[in-house]
Amino acid sequence: MTMEHNSEQHDPRIVDDLSAFKLAFRRLAAGVSIVTALTPEGRPVGFTATSLASLAAVPPLATFNMARVASAWPAIEQTDHVIIHILGARNRAAAEQLAADHDKRFEGDHWAPGPLGLPLIKDVPAWMLGRIVGRYPVHENAVIVVQIEDGGLGEPDDALLYHERRYFRPGETA
């Protein structure tokens, strides 16, 4: 399948299944969250995620996806609990930091120990403590299911979205 364009600008082309997947999903705006955990040794780990979804209200279940080659995977594979942070526009820097070099994700004062000692990102609109109830490997990735056990609300904020490989608030241009 190929993509036809009539514009004069250079547009990416879908030439195979991988390019179809990547190019199409770049155009799907997604909410941004951060998932944090601790290694068995107590070291904080985390990552920025755009795959957070509610699964059920009763019991309160949520899912997120991750690569099993990700630096945080060994901790997620071995821990019982995570904190899921719902980000707002004011958390753009935290989203970028937790998506960058894994050795530098917890440098700075953007987090503090939270429930169960898990890393809690500061000043987020909402966070949830979740107990992992399922890990479902799919190829080199996994779907993680958590049951929400606790949480908190911060100050409201505009949404933070990820679209076309950048973070932005709705209505923001370039």
Protein backbone atom coordinates (compact mmCIF):
# COMPACT_ATOMS: atom_id res chain seq x y z
CA MET A 1 0.00 0.00 0.00
CA THR A 2 1.33 3.42 -0.86
CA MET A 3 0.22 6.88 0.12
CA GLU A 4 -0.54 9.35 -2.65
CA HIS A 5 0.07 13.05 -2.10
CA ASN A 6 -0.87 16.03 -4.20
CA SER A 7 1.02 18.59 -2.12
CA GLU A 8 4.24 20.18 -3.26
CA GLN A 9 5.93 19.68 0.09
CA HIS A 10 7.96 16.58 0.79
CA ASP A 11 5.78 14.11 2.67
CA PRO A 12 6.87 10.79 4.10
CA ARG A 13 5.72 7.79 2.12
CA ILE A 14 4.28 4.55 3.31
CA VAL A 15 6.29 1.86 1.56
CA ASP A 16 5.85 -1.16 3.84
CA ASP A 17 4.17 -2.36 7.02
CA LEU A 18 6.71 -0.73 9.34
CA SER A 19 6.51 2.68 7.70
CA ALA A 20 2.70 2.41 7.64
CA PHE A 21 2.72 1.77 11.39
CA LYS A 22 5.24 4.47 12.30
CA LEU A 23 3.89 7.20 10.05
CA ALA A 24 0.25 6.57 10.92
CA PHE A 25 0.80 6.43 14.69
CA ARG A 26 2.80 9.68 14.61
CA ARG A 27 -0.45 11.32 13.53
CA LEU A 28 -2.43 9.91 16.46
CA ALA A 29 -2.29 12.41 19.32
CA ALA A 30 -1.88 10.67 22.65
CA GLY A 31 -2.00 11.69 26.27
CA VAL A 32 1.33 11.58 28.08
CA SER A 33 2.08 9.80 31.33
CA ILE A 34 5.13 8.69 33.28
CA VAL A 35 5.43 5.26 34.89
CA THR A 36 7.88 4.87 37.77
CA ALA A 37 9.08 1.91 39.82
CA LEU A 38 12.03 0.73 41.89
CA THR A 39 14.59 -1.90 41.03
CA PRO A 40 15.00 -4.73 43.56
CA GLU A 41 18.02 -2.76 44.85
CA GLY A 42 15.84 0.32 45.41
CA ARG A 43 17.06 2.41 42.45
CA PRO A 44 14.36 4.57 40.78
CA VAL A 45 13.42 3.78 37.19
CA GLY A 46 10.78 5.20 34.94
CA PHE A 47 9.76 6.14 31.44
CA THR A 48 7.42 8.38 29.51
CA ALA A 49 4.45 6.51 28.07
CA THR A 50 1.75 7.33 25.55
CA SER A 51 0.02 3.95 25.85
CA LEU A 52 -1.85 4.43 29.15
CA ALA A 53 -5.46 3.32 28.97
CA SER A 54 -8.26 2.55 31.39
CA LEU A 55 -9.33 -1.08 31.25
CA ALA A 56 -12.16 -1.23 33.79
CA ALA A 57 -13.71 0.86 36.54
CA VAL A 58 -14.68 -2.12 38.74
CA PRO A 59 -12.15 -3.18 39.77
CA PRO A 60 -10.13 -0.10 38.77
CA LEU A 61 -7.71 -1.42 36.15
CA ALA A 62 -5.36 0.39 33.77
CA THR A 63 -2.90 -0.80 31.15
CA PHE A 64 0.31 0.47 29.62
CA ASN A 65 2.67 -1.03 27.08
CA MET A 66 6.44 -1.17 27.00
CA ALA A 67 9.33 -2.79 25.19
CA ARG A 68 10.91 -5.69 27.06
CA VAL A 69 14.31 -4.35 25.97
CA ALA A 70 13.64 -1.00 27.69
CA SER A 71 15.94 -0.04 30.54
CA ALA A 72 12.99 -0.06 32.98
CA TRP A 73 11.75 -3.53 31.96
CA PRO A 74 13.78 -5.55 34.51
CA ALA A 75 12.27 -3.47 37.33
CA ILE A 76 8.72 -3.67 35.92
CA GLU A 77 9.16 -7.42 35.44
CA GLN A 78 10.18 -7.92 39.08
CA THR A 79 8.18 -5.34 41.04
CA ASP A 80 4.66 -5.50 42.41
CA HIS A 81 3.86 -1.77 42.29
CA VAL A 82 4.25 1.24 40.01
CA ILE A 83 3.13 4.84 40.09
CA ILE A 84 1.41 6.15 36.98
CA HIS A 85 1.55 9.92 36.59
CA ILE A 86 -0.91 11.80 34.39
CA LEU A 87 0.99 14.76 32.97
CA GLY A 88 -0.14 18.26 32.15
CA ALA A 89 1.42 20.94 29.98
CA ARG A 90 3.54 22.15 32.91
CA ASN A 91 5.20 18.70 33.02
CA ARG A 92 6.69 18.83 29.51
CA ALA A 93 10.27 18.96 30.84
CA ALA A 94 9.66 15.89 33.02
CA ALA A 95 8.19 14.02 30.03
CA GLU A 96 11.26 14.87 27.97
CA GLN A 97 13.67 13.92 30.77
CA LEU A 98 11.99 10.56 31.40
CA ALA A 99 12.10 9.84 27.65
CA ALA A 100 15.83 10.63 27.36
CA ASP A 101 19.00 8.97 28.65
CA HIS A 102 17.94 6.42 31.27
CA ASP A 103 20.97 7.21 33.44
CA LYS A 104 19.82 10.84 33.82
CA ARG A 105 16.06 10.39 34.27
CA PHE A 106 16.16 10.96 38.01
CA GLU A 107 18.77 13.72 38.14
CA GLY A 108 17.24 16.86 39.60
CA ASP A 109 14.45 17.74 41.96
CA HIS A 110 11.45 16.86 39.76
CA TRP A 111 10.64 13.83 41.93
CA ALA A 112 10.65 12.59 45.51
CA PRO A 113 10.00 9.26 47.23
CA GLY A 114 6.26 8.61 47.35
CA PRO A 115 4.04 5.75 48.49
CA LEU A 116 6.00 2.53 49.11
CA GLY A 117 9.15 4.57 48.42
CA LEU A 118 8.33 4.67 44.70
CA PRO A 119 9.44 7.71 42.70
CA LEU A 120 6.68 10.31 42.66
CA ILE A 121 6.96 13.02 40.01
CA LYS A 122 6.22 16.41 41.56
CA ASP A 123 3.44 18.79 40.54
CA VAL A 124 1.46 16.47 38.27
CA PRO A 125 -2.31 16.86 37.77
CA ALA A 126 -2.89 13.27 38.96
CA TRP A 127 -1.07 10.11 39.98
CA MET A 128 -2.14 6.55 40.76
CA LEU A 129 -0.45 3.79 42.72
CA GLY A 130 -1.01 0.52 40.91
CA ARG A 131 -0.36 -3.10 41.80
CA ILE A 132 0.72 -5.11 38.78
CA VAL A 133 -1.80 -7.91 38.21
CA GLY A 134 -0.67 -9.04 34.76
CA ARG A 135 2.28 -8.94 32.39
CA TYR A 136 1.48 -10.18 28.91
CA PRO A 137 4.46 -10.58 26.56
CA VAL A 138 3.77 -9.91 22.90
CA HIS A 139 6.83 -10.33 20.67
CA GLU A 140 9.52 -8.08 22.21
CA ASN A 141 6.96 -5.99 24.10
CA ALA A 142 4.52 -6.41 26.96
CA VAL A 143 1.10 -5.20 28.02
CA ILE A 144 1.11 -4.45 31.75
CA VAL A 145 -2.17 -4.47 33.71
CA VAL A 146 -2.34 -2.69 37.05
CA GLN A 147 -5.06 -2.49 39.66
CA ILE A 148 -5.24 1.02 41.09
CA GLU A 149 -4.89 1.05 44.89
CA ASP A 150 -4.39 4.74 45.70
CA GLY A 151 -3.77 8.08 44.09
CA GLY A 152 -3.80 11.80 44.36
CA LEU A 153 -4.76 14.94 42.51
CA GLY A 154 -2.61 18.00 41.97
CA GLU A 155 -3.53 21.32 40.45
CA PRO A 156 -5.45 21.06 37.15
CA ASP A 157 -3.54 21.83 33.97
CA ASP A 158 -3.98 21.81 30.22
CA ALA A 159 -3.41 18.40 28.69
CA LEU A 160 0.03 17.40 27.46
CA LEU A 161 -0.16 15.57 24.16
CA TYR A 162 2.37 13.73 22.03
CA HIS A 163 1.86 14.12 18.30
CA GLU A 164 4.18 14.02 15.29
CA ARG A 165 7.14 13.29 17.61
CA ARG A 166 6.71 16.32 19.89
CA TYR A 167 5.02 17.26 23.16
CA PHE A 168 2.53 20.14 23.18
CA ARG A 169 -0.64 21.49 24.76
CA PRO A 170 -3.85 21.50 22.69
CA GLY A 171 -4.09 24.61 20.56
CA GLU A 172 -0.35 25.24 20.61
CA THR A 173 1.32 25.74 17.23
CA ALA A 174 4.87 24.85 16.26
